[in-house]
Amino acid sequence: MSQIPPIPDKEYFTISEISQITMIQKHTLRYWESEFKLLRPVRKSSGQRRYRKEEVELIFKIKDLLYNKRYAIEGAKKYLIGNKRKKLTDLQIDLNLDLEHLPDSKFLRNIKEELKNILKLLRK
């Protein structure tokens, strides 16, 4: 991937700021939102998009896939989804969670049973 320029340390960015940072036109960013389901900025009550730093990094990744690596949109979607699944699988392997043998797993099972019983009572 090409070098990502420094991203300002802010919690949220407007679409205009994102357009300046990424050098992608606003209408292209809006189109990418409709095509790439992983790109979902938060919206204010006024409807204004608010992008987080993770989404800015995703935009740079999409830009690299489409413009530098010459992927078609469908290919870029598949690459990003496959990459996300791989990261989740790697995370599960790295964590190596075996909840049955954790000390609190019996406690959590008891809570789950209690919640099921409460749900049954509420449904009556």
N, C-alpha and C. Protein backbone atom coordinates (compact mmCIF):
# COMPACT_ATOMS: atom_id res chain seq x y z
N MET A 1 0.84 -1.18 0.00
CA MET A 1 0.00 0.00 0.00
C MET A 1 0.89 1.23 0.00
N SER A 2 0.44 2.27 -0.70
CA SER A 2 1.22 3.50 -0.73
C SER A 2 1.21 4.16 0.64
N GLN A 3 2.13 5.06 0.84
CA GLN A 3 2.30 5.72 2.13
C GLN A 3 1.09 6.59 2.46
N ILE A 4 0.51 6.40 3.64
CA ILE A 4 -0.61 7.22 4.09
C ILE A 4 -0.05 8.47 4.75
N PRO A 5 -0.52 9.65 4.33
CA PRO A 5 -0.05 10.86 4.99
C PRO A 5 -0.55 10.91 6.43
N PRO A 6 0.08 11.70 7.27
CA PRO A 6 -0.37 11.79 8.66
C PRO A 6 -1.83 12.25 8.73
N ILE A 7 -2.59 11.59 9.57
CA ILE A 7 -4.00 11.94 9.75
C ILE A 7 -4.09 12.76 11.04
N PRO A 8 -4.71 13.93 10.99
CA PRO A 8 -4.81 14.74 12.21
C PRO A 8 -5.46 13.95 13.35
N ASP A 9 -5.06 14.27 14.55
CA ASP A 9 -5.55 13.56 15.73
C ASP A 9 -6.87 14.18 16.18
N LYS A 10 -7.94 13.78 15.53
CA LYS A 10 -9.29 14.24 15.85
C LYS A 10 -10.19 13.03 16.00
N GLU A 11 -11.29 13.22 16.71
CA GLU A 11 -12.23 12.11 16.86
C GLU A 11 -13.07 11.94 15.60
N TYR A 12 -13.55 13.04 15.03
CA TYR A 12 -14.40 12.99 13.85
C TYR A 12 -13.94 13.99 12.81
N PHE A 13 -14.22 13.64 11.53
CA PHE A 13 -13.89 14.49 10.40
C PHE A 13 -15.14 14.68 9.55
N THR A 14 -15.27 15.85 8.92
CA THR A 14 -16.36 16.07 7.99
C THR A 14 -15.97 15.51 6.62
N ILE A 15 -16.91 15.41 5.73
CA ILE A 15 -16.62 14.90 4.40
C ILE A 15 -15.67 15.86 3.66
N SER A 16 -15.78 17.15 3.94
CA SER A 16 -14.87 18.12 3.30
C SER A 16 -13.44 17.90 3.77
N GLU A 17 -13.27 17.66 5.08
CA GLU A 17 -11.93 17.40 5.61
C GLU A 17 -11.36 16.11 5.02
N ILE A 18 -12.21 15.09 4.93
CA ILE A 18 -11.78 13.80 4.37
C ILE A 18 -11.37 13.97 2.92
N SER A 19 -12.14 14.76 2.19
CA SER A 19 -11.84 15.00 0.79
C SER A 19 -10.47 15.66 0.64
N GLN A 20 -10.15 16.61 1.51
CA GLN A 20 -8.85 17.28 1.45
C GLN A 20 -7.72 16.33 1.86
N ILE A 21 -7.94 15.55 2.92
CA ILE A 21 -6.89 14.65 3.42
C ILE A 21 -6.57 13.56 2.41
N THR A 22 -7.62 12.97 1.82
CA THR A 22 -7.43 11.83 0.93
C THR A 22 -7.28 12.19 -0.54
N MET A 23 -7.60 13.44 -0.87
CA MET A 23 -7.57 13.89 -2.26
C MET A 23 -8.59 13.12 -3.11
N ILE A 24 -9.70 12.78 -2.48
CA ILE A 24 -10.82 12.12 -3.17
C ILE A 24 -12.00 13.09 -3.14
N GLN A 25 -12.67 13.25 -4.27
CA GLN A 25 -13.80 14.18 -4.32
C GLN A 25 -14.96 13.67 -3.47
N LYS A 26 -15.75 14.61 -2.97
CA LYS A 26 -16.85 14.28 -2.06
C LYS A 26 -17.86 13.33 -2.70
N HIS A 27 -18.19 13.57 -3.96
CA HIS A 27 -19.17 12.69 -4.61
C HIS A 27 -18.63 11.26 -4.74
N THR A 28 -17.33 11.13 -4.90
CA THR A 28 -16.72 9.80 -4.97
C THR A 28 -16.79 9.12 -3.61
N LEU A 29 -16.54 9.87 -2.54
CA LEU A 29 -16.65 9.31 -1.18
C LEU A 29 -18.08 8.83 -0.90
N ARG A 30 -19.06 9.64 -1.31
CA ARG A 30 -20.46 9.23 -1.10
C ARG A 30 -20.77 7.97 -1.91
N TYR A 31 -20.25 7.89 -3.12
CA TYR A 31 -20.45 6.69 -3.94
C TYR A 31 -19.81 5.47 -3.28
N TRP A 32 -18.60 5.63 -2.78
CA TRP A 32 -17.92 4.51 -2.12
C TRP A 32 -18.71 4.02 -0.91
N GLU A 33 -19.37 4.94 -0.21
CA GLU A 33 -20.22 4.52 0.92
C GLU A 33 -21.33 3.58 0.45
N SER A 34 -21.86 3.85 -0.72
CA SER A 34 -22.94 2.99 -1.22
C SER A 34 -22.41 1.65 -1.71
N GLU A 35 -21.15 1.59 -2.11
CA GLU A 35 -20.56 0.36 -2.63
C GLU A 35 -19.86 -0.49 -1.57
N PHE A 36 -19.18 0.15 -0.65
CA PHE A 36 -18.39 -0.56 0.35
C PHE A 36 -19.11 -0.51 1.69
N LYS A 37 -19.70 -1.63 2.08
CA LYS A 37 -20.49 -1.69 3.32
C LYS A 37 -19.63 -1.49 4.56
N LEU A 38 -18.32 -1.70 4.45
CA LEU A 38 -17.43 -1.47 5.60
C LEU A 38 -17.25 0.02 5.86
N LEU A 39 -17.55 0.86 4.90
CA LEU A 39 -17.39 2.31 5.02
C LEU A 39 -18.73 2.92 5.40
N ARG A 40 -18.94 3.10 6.69
CA ARG A 40 -20.20 3.63 7.20
C ARG A 40 -19.92 4.73 8.23
N PRO A 41 -19.79 5.98 7.78
CA PRO A 41 -19.56 7.05 8.76
C PRO A 41 -20.81 7.27 9.61
N VAL A 42 -20.58 7.75 10.82
CA VAL A 42 -21.67 8.10 11.72
C VAL A 42 -22.34 9.34 11.16
N ARG A 43 -23.63 9.44 11.34
CA ARG A 43 -24.34 10.64 10.88
C ARG A 43 -24.90 11.40 12.07
N LYS A 44 -24.76 12.71 12.00
CA LYS A 44 -25.35 13.57 13.02
C LYS A 44 -26.86 13.62 12.77
N SER A 45 -27.60 14.18 13.71
CA SER A 45 -29.05 14.29 13.52
C SER A 45 -29.39 15.12 12.30
N SER A 46 -28.48 16.01 11.90
CA SER A 46 -28.70 16.84 10.71
C SER A 46 -28.40 16.07 9.42
N GLY A 47 -27.84 14.85 9.55
CA GLY A 47 -27.52 14.04 8.38
C GLY A 47 -26.08 14.19 7.93
N GLN A 48 -25.34 15.09 8.56
CA GLN A 48 -23.94 15.31 8.18
C GLN A 48 -23.09 14.11 8.57
N ARG A 49 -22.24 13.68 7.63
CA ARG A 49 -21.36 12.54 7.88
C ARG A 49 -20.24 12.93 8.84
N ARG A 50 -19.90 11.99 9.72
CA ARG A 50 -18.77 12.18 10.64
C ARG A 50 -17.90 10.94 10.55
N TYR A 51 -16.75 11.10 9.94
CA TYR A 51 -15.83 9.98 9.72
C TYR A 51 -14.87 9.86 10.91
N ARG A 52 -14.58 8.63 11.30
CA ARG A 52 -13.57 8.36 12.33
C ARG A 52 -12.24 8.05 11.64
N LYS A 53 -11.19 8.03 12.44
CA LYS A 53 -9.84 7.80 11.90
C LYS A 53 -9.77 6.44 11.18
N GLU A 54 -10.44 5.41 11.73
CA GLU A 54 -10.43 4.08 11.11
C GLU A 54 -11.03 4.13 9.70
N GLU A 55 -12.07 4.96 9.54
CA GLU A 55 -12.69 5.08 8.22
C GLU A 55 -11.79 5.83 7.25
N VAL A 56 -11.03 6.79 7.76
CA VAL A 56 -10.06 7.50 6.91
C VAL A 56 -9.02 6.50 6.40
N GLU A 57 -8.55 5.63 7.28
CA GLU A 57 -7.57 4.62 6.87
C GLU A 57 -8.19 3.66 5.85
N LEU A 58 -9.46 3.32 6.04
CA LEU A 58 -10.15 2.45 5.08
C LEU A 58 -10.26 3.14 3.72
N ILE A 59 -10.53 4.43 3.72
CA ILE A 59 -10.62 5.18 2.46
C ILE A 59 -9.28 5.14 1.73
N PHE A 60 -8.20 5.31 2.47
CA PHE A 60 -6.87 5.22 1.84
C PHE A 60 -6.64 3.82 1.27
N LYS A 61 -7.11 2.79 1.98
CA LYS A 61 -6.95 1.41 1.50
C LYS A 61 -7.76 1.20 0.21
N ILE A 62 -9.00 1.71 0.19
CA ILE A 62 -9.84 1.60 -1.00
C ILE A 62 -9.18 2.35 -2.16
N LYS A 63 -8.69 3.54 -1.88
CA LYS A 63 -8.02 4.33 -2.92
C LYS A 63 -6.84 3.57 -3.50
N ASP A 64 -6.05 2.96 -2.63
CA ASP A 64 -4.89 2.19 -3.08
C ASP A 64 -5.32 1.01 -3.95
N LEU A 65 -6.35 0.29 -3.49
CA LEU A 65 -6.81 -0.88 -4.26
C LEU A 65 -7.34 -0.47 -5.63
N LEU A 66 -8.10 0.61 -5.69
CA LEU A 66 -8.72 1.01 -6.95
C LEU A 66 -7.75 1.73 -7.89
N TYR A 67 -6.96 2.65 -7.35
CA TYR A 67 -6.15 3.51 -8.21
C TYR A 67 -4.74 2.98 -8.45
N ASN A 68 -4.14 2.37 -7.44
CA ASN A 68 -2.76 1.89 -7.59
C ASN A 68 -2.70 0.43 -8.02
N LYS A 69 -3.48 -0.41 -7.37
CA LYS A 69 -3.45 -1.84 -7.68
C LYS A 69 -4.43 -2.22 -8.78
N ARG A 70 -5.23 -1.25 -9.22
CA ARG A 70 -6.13 -1.39 -10.37
C ARG A 70 -7.21 -2.46 -10.17
N TYR A 71 -7.67 -2.64 -8.94
CA TYR A 71 -8.79 -3.54 -8.68
C TYR A 71 -10.06 -2.92 -9.21
N ALA A 72 -10.99 -3.76 -9.65
CA ALA A 72 -12.34 -3.30 -9.93
C ALA A 72 -13.05 -3.17 -8.57
N ILE A 73 -14.16 -2.49 -8.54
CA ILE A 73 -14.87 -2.29 -7.27
C ILE A 73 -15.24 -3.62 -6.64
N GLU A 74 -15.75 -4.55 -7.43
CA GLU A 74 -16.13 -5.87 -6.88
C GLU A 74 -14.92 -6.59 -6.30
N GLY A 75 -13.80 -6.52 -6.98
CA GLY A 75 -12.58 -7.15 -6.49
C GLY A 75 -12.10 -6.52 -5.20
N ALA A 76 -12.19 -5.19 -5.13
CA ALA A 76 -11.77 -4.49 -3.91
C ALA A 76 -12.68 -4.86 -2.74
N LYS A 77 -13.98 -4.99 -3.02
CA LYS A 77 -14.92 -5.41 -1.95
C LYS A 77 -14.54 -6.78 -1.42
N LYS A 78 -14.31 -7.72 -2.32
CA LYS A 78 -13.94 -9.07 -1.92
C LYS A 78 -12.63 -9.08 -1.14
N TYR A 79 -11.67 -8.29 -1.58
CA TYR A 79 -10.38 -8.21 -0.90
C TYR A 79 -10.57 -7.70 0.53
N LEU A 80 -11.34 -6.61 0.68
CA LEU A 80 -11.53 -6.01 2.00
C LEU A 80 -12.30 -6.93 2.94
N ILE A 81 -13.33 -7.59 2.43
CA ILE A 81 -14.12 -8.50 3.26
C ILE A 81 -13.27 -9.70 3.65
N GLY A 82 -12.53 -10.23 2.70
CA GLY A 82 -11.65 -11.36 3.00
C GLY A 82 -10.58 -10.99 3.99
N ASN A 83 -10.05 -9.78 3.86
CA ASN A 83 -9.02 -9.30 4.78
C ASN A 83 -9.59 -9.13 6.18
N LYS A 84 -10.83 -8.64 6.28
CA LYS A 84 -11.47 -8.47 7.59
C LYS A 84 -11.71 -9.83 8.24
N ARG A 85 -12.18 -10.80 7.46
CA ARG A 85 -12.41 -12.15 8.01
C ARG A 85 -11.10 -12.77 8.48
N LYS A 86 -10.04 -12.57 7.70
CA LYS A 86 -8.73 -13.12 8.08
C LYS A 86 -8.26 -12.52 9.39
N LYS A 87 -8.45 -11.21 9.55
CA LYS A 87 -8.05 -10.56 10.80
C LYS A 87 -8.83 -11.11 11.98
N LEU A 88 -10.14 -11.35 11.80
CA LEU A 88 -10.95 -11.91 12.88
C LEU A 88 -10.50 -13.32 13.23
N THR A 89 -10.21 -14.13 12.22
CA THR A 89 -9.74 -15.49 12.45
C THR A 89 -8.40 -15.47 13.16
N ASP A 90 -7.50 -14.60 12.70
CA ASP A 90 -6.19 -14.47 13.36
C ASP A 90 -6.34 -14.04 14.81
N LEU A 91 -7.29 -13.13 15.06
CA LEU A 91 -7.50 -12.66 16.42
C LEU A 91 -7.99 -13.80 17.30
N GLN A 92 -8.91 -14.63 16.80
CA GLN A 92 -9.40 -15.77 17.58
C GLN A 92 -8.28 -16.75 17.87
N ILE A 93 -7.43 -16.97 16.89
CA ILE A 93 -6.31 -17.90 17.09
C ILE A 93 -5.33 -17.31 18.10
N ASP A 94 -5.03 -16.00 17.95
CA ASP A 94 -4.09 -15.36 18.87
C ASP A 94 -4.60 -15.37 20.30
N LEU A 95 -5.90 -15.15 20.47
CA LEU A 95 -6.45 -15.12 21.82
C LEU A 95 -6.56 -16.52 22.41
N ASN A 96 -6.81 -17.51 21.54
CA ASN A 96 -6.95 -18.89 21.96
C ASN A 96 -7.89 -19.03 23.16
N LEU A 97 -9.09 -18.48 22.99
CA LEU A 97 -10.05 -18.48 24.08
C LEU A 97 -10.73 -19.83 24.20
N ASP A 98 -10.67 -20.37 25.37
CA ASP A 98 -11.39 -21.59 25.69
C ASP A 98 -12.24 -21.26 26.91
N LEU A 99 -13.44 -20.72 26.65
CA LEU A 99 -14.27 -20.20 27.73
C LEU A 99 -14.68 -21.26 28.74
N GLU A 100 -14.75 -22.51 28.32
CA GLU A 100 -15.16 -23.56 29.24
C GLU A 100 -14.18 -23.76 30.38
N HIS A 101 -12.94 -23.42 30.17
CA HIS A 101 -11.93 -23.66 31.20
C HIS A 101 -11.51 -22.40 31.95
N LEU A 102 -12.15 -21.29 31.63
CA LEU A 102 -11.86 -20.08 32.39
C LEU A 102 -12.56 -20.17 33.74
N PRO A 103 -11.98 -19.59 34.78
CA PRO A 103 -12.55 -19.73 36.12
C PRO A 103 -13.98 -19.22 36.24
N ASP A 104 -14.35 -18.20 35.48
CA ASP A 104 -15.67 -17.62 35.63
C ASP A 104 -16.71 -18.22 34.68
N SER A 105 -16.34 -19.21 33.89
CA SER A 105 -17.27 -19.72 32.89
C SER A 105 -18.51 -20.35 33.55
N LYS A 106 -18.35 -21.01 34.67
CA LYS A 106 -19.51 -21.60 35.37
C LYS A 106 -20.42 -20.49 35.87
N PHE A 107 -19.82 -19.45 36.37
CA PHE A 107 -20.58 -18.29 36.84
C PHE A 107 -21.39 -17.68 35.69
N LEU A 108 -20.76 -17.54 34.53
CA LEU A 108 -21.44 -16.97 33.37
C LEU A 108 -22.56 -17.87 32.87
N ARG A 109 -22.34 -19.18 32.91
CA ARG A 109 -23.41 -20.12 32.52
C ARG A 109 -24.60 -19.98 33.45
N ASN A 110 -24.33 -19.82 34.75
CA ASN A 110 -25.43 -19.65 35.72
C ASN A 110 -26.22 -18.37 35.44
N ILE A 111 -25.51 -17.30 35.10
CA ILE A 111 -26.19 -16.05 34.77
C ILE A 111 -27.05 -16.23 33.53
N LYS A 112 -26.52 -16.93 32.54
CA LYS A 112 -27.27 -17.17 31.31
C LYS A 112 -28.55 -17.95 31.60
N GLU A 113 -28.45 -18.97 32.44
CA GLU A 113 -29.64 -19.76 32.82
C GLU A 113 -30.66 -18.90 33.55
N GLU A 114 -30.17 -18.06 34.45
CA GLU A 114 -31.07 -17.16 35.18
C GLU A 114 -31.80 -16.22 34.22
N LEU A 115 -31.06 -15.69 33.27
CA LEU A 115 -31.67 -14.79 32.29
C LEU A 115 -32.72 -15.51 31.44
N LYS A 116 -32.45 -16.76 31.08
CA LYS A 116 -33.43 -17.55 30.33
C LYS A 116 -34.69 -17.75 31.16
N ASN A 117 -34.52 -18.03 32.45
CA ASN A 117 -35.67 -18.22 33.33
C ASN A 117 -36.48 -16.93 33.46
N ILE A 118 -35.80 -15.82 33.57
CA ILE A 118 -36.50 -14.53 33.66
C ILE A 118 -37.26 -14.26 32.38
N LEU A 119 -36.65 -14.57 31.25
CA LEU A 119 -37.32 -14.38 29.95
C LEU A 119 -38.58 -15.24 29.85
N LYS A 120 -38.51 -16.48 30.35
CA LYS A 120 -39.69 -17.35 30.34
C LYS A 120 -40.80 -16.75 31.18
N LEU A 121 -40.45 -16.21 32.35
CA LEU A 121 -41.45 -15.60 33.22
C LEU A 121 -42.08 -14.36 32.57
N LEU A 122 -41.29 -13.59 31.87
CA LEU A 122 -41.80 -12.39 31.20
C LEU A 122 -42.74 -12.74 30.05
N ARG A 123 -42.51 -13.85 29.42
CA ARG A 123 -43.34 -14.26 28.28
C ARG A 123 -44.70 -14.80 28.70
N LYS A 124 -44.85 -15.17 29.97
CA LYS A 124 -46.14 -15.72 30.46
C LYS A 124 -47.19 -14.67 30.55
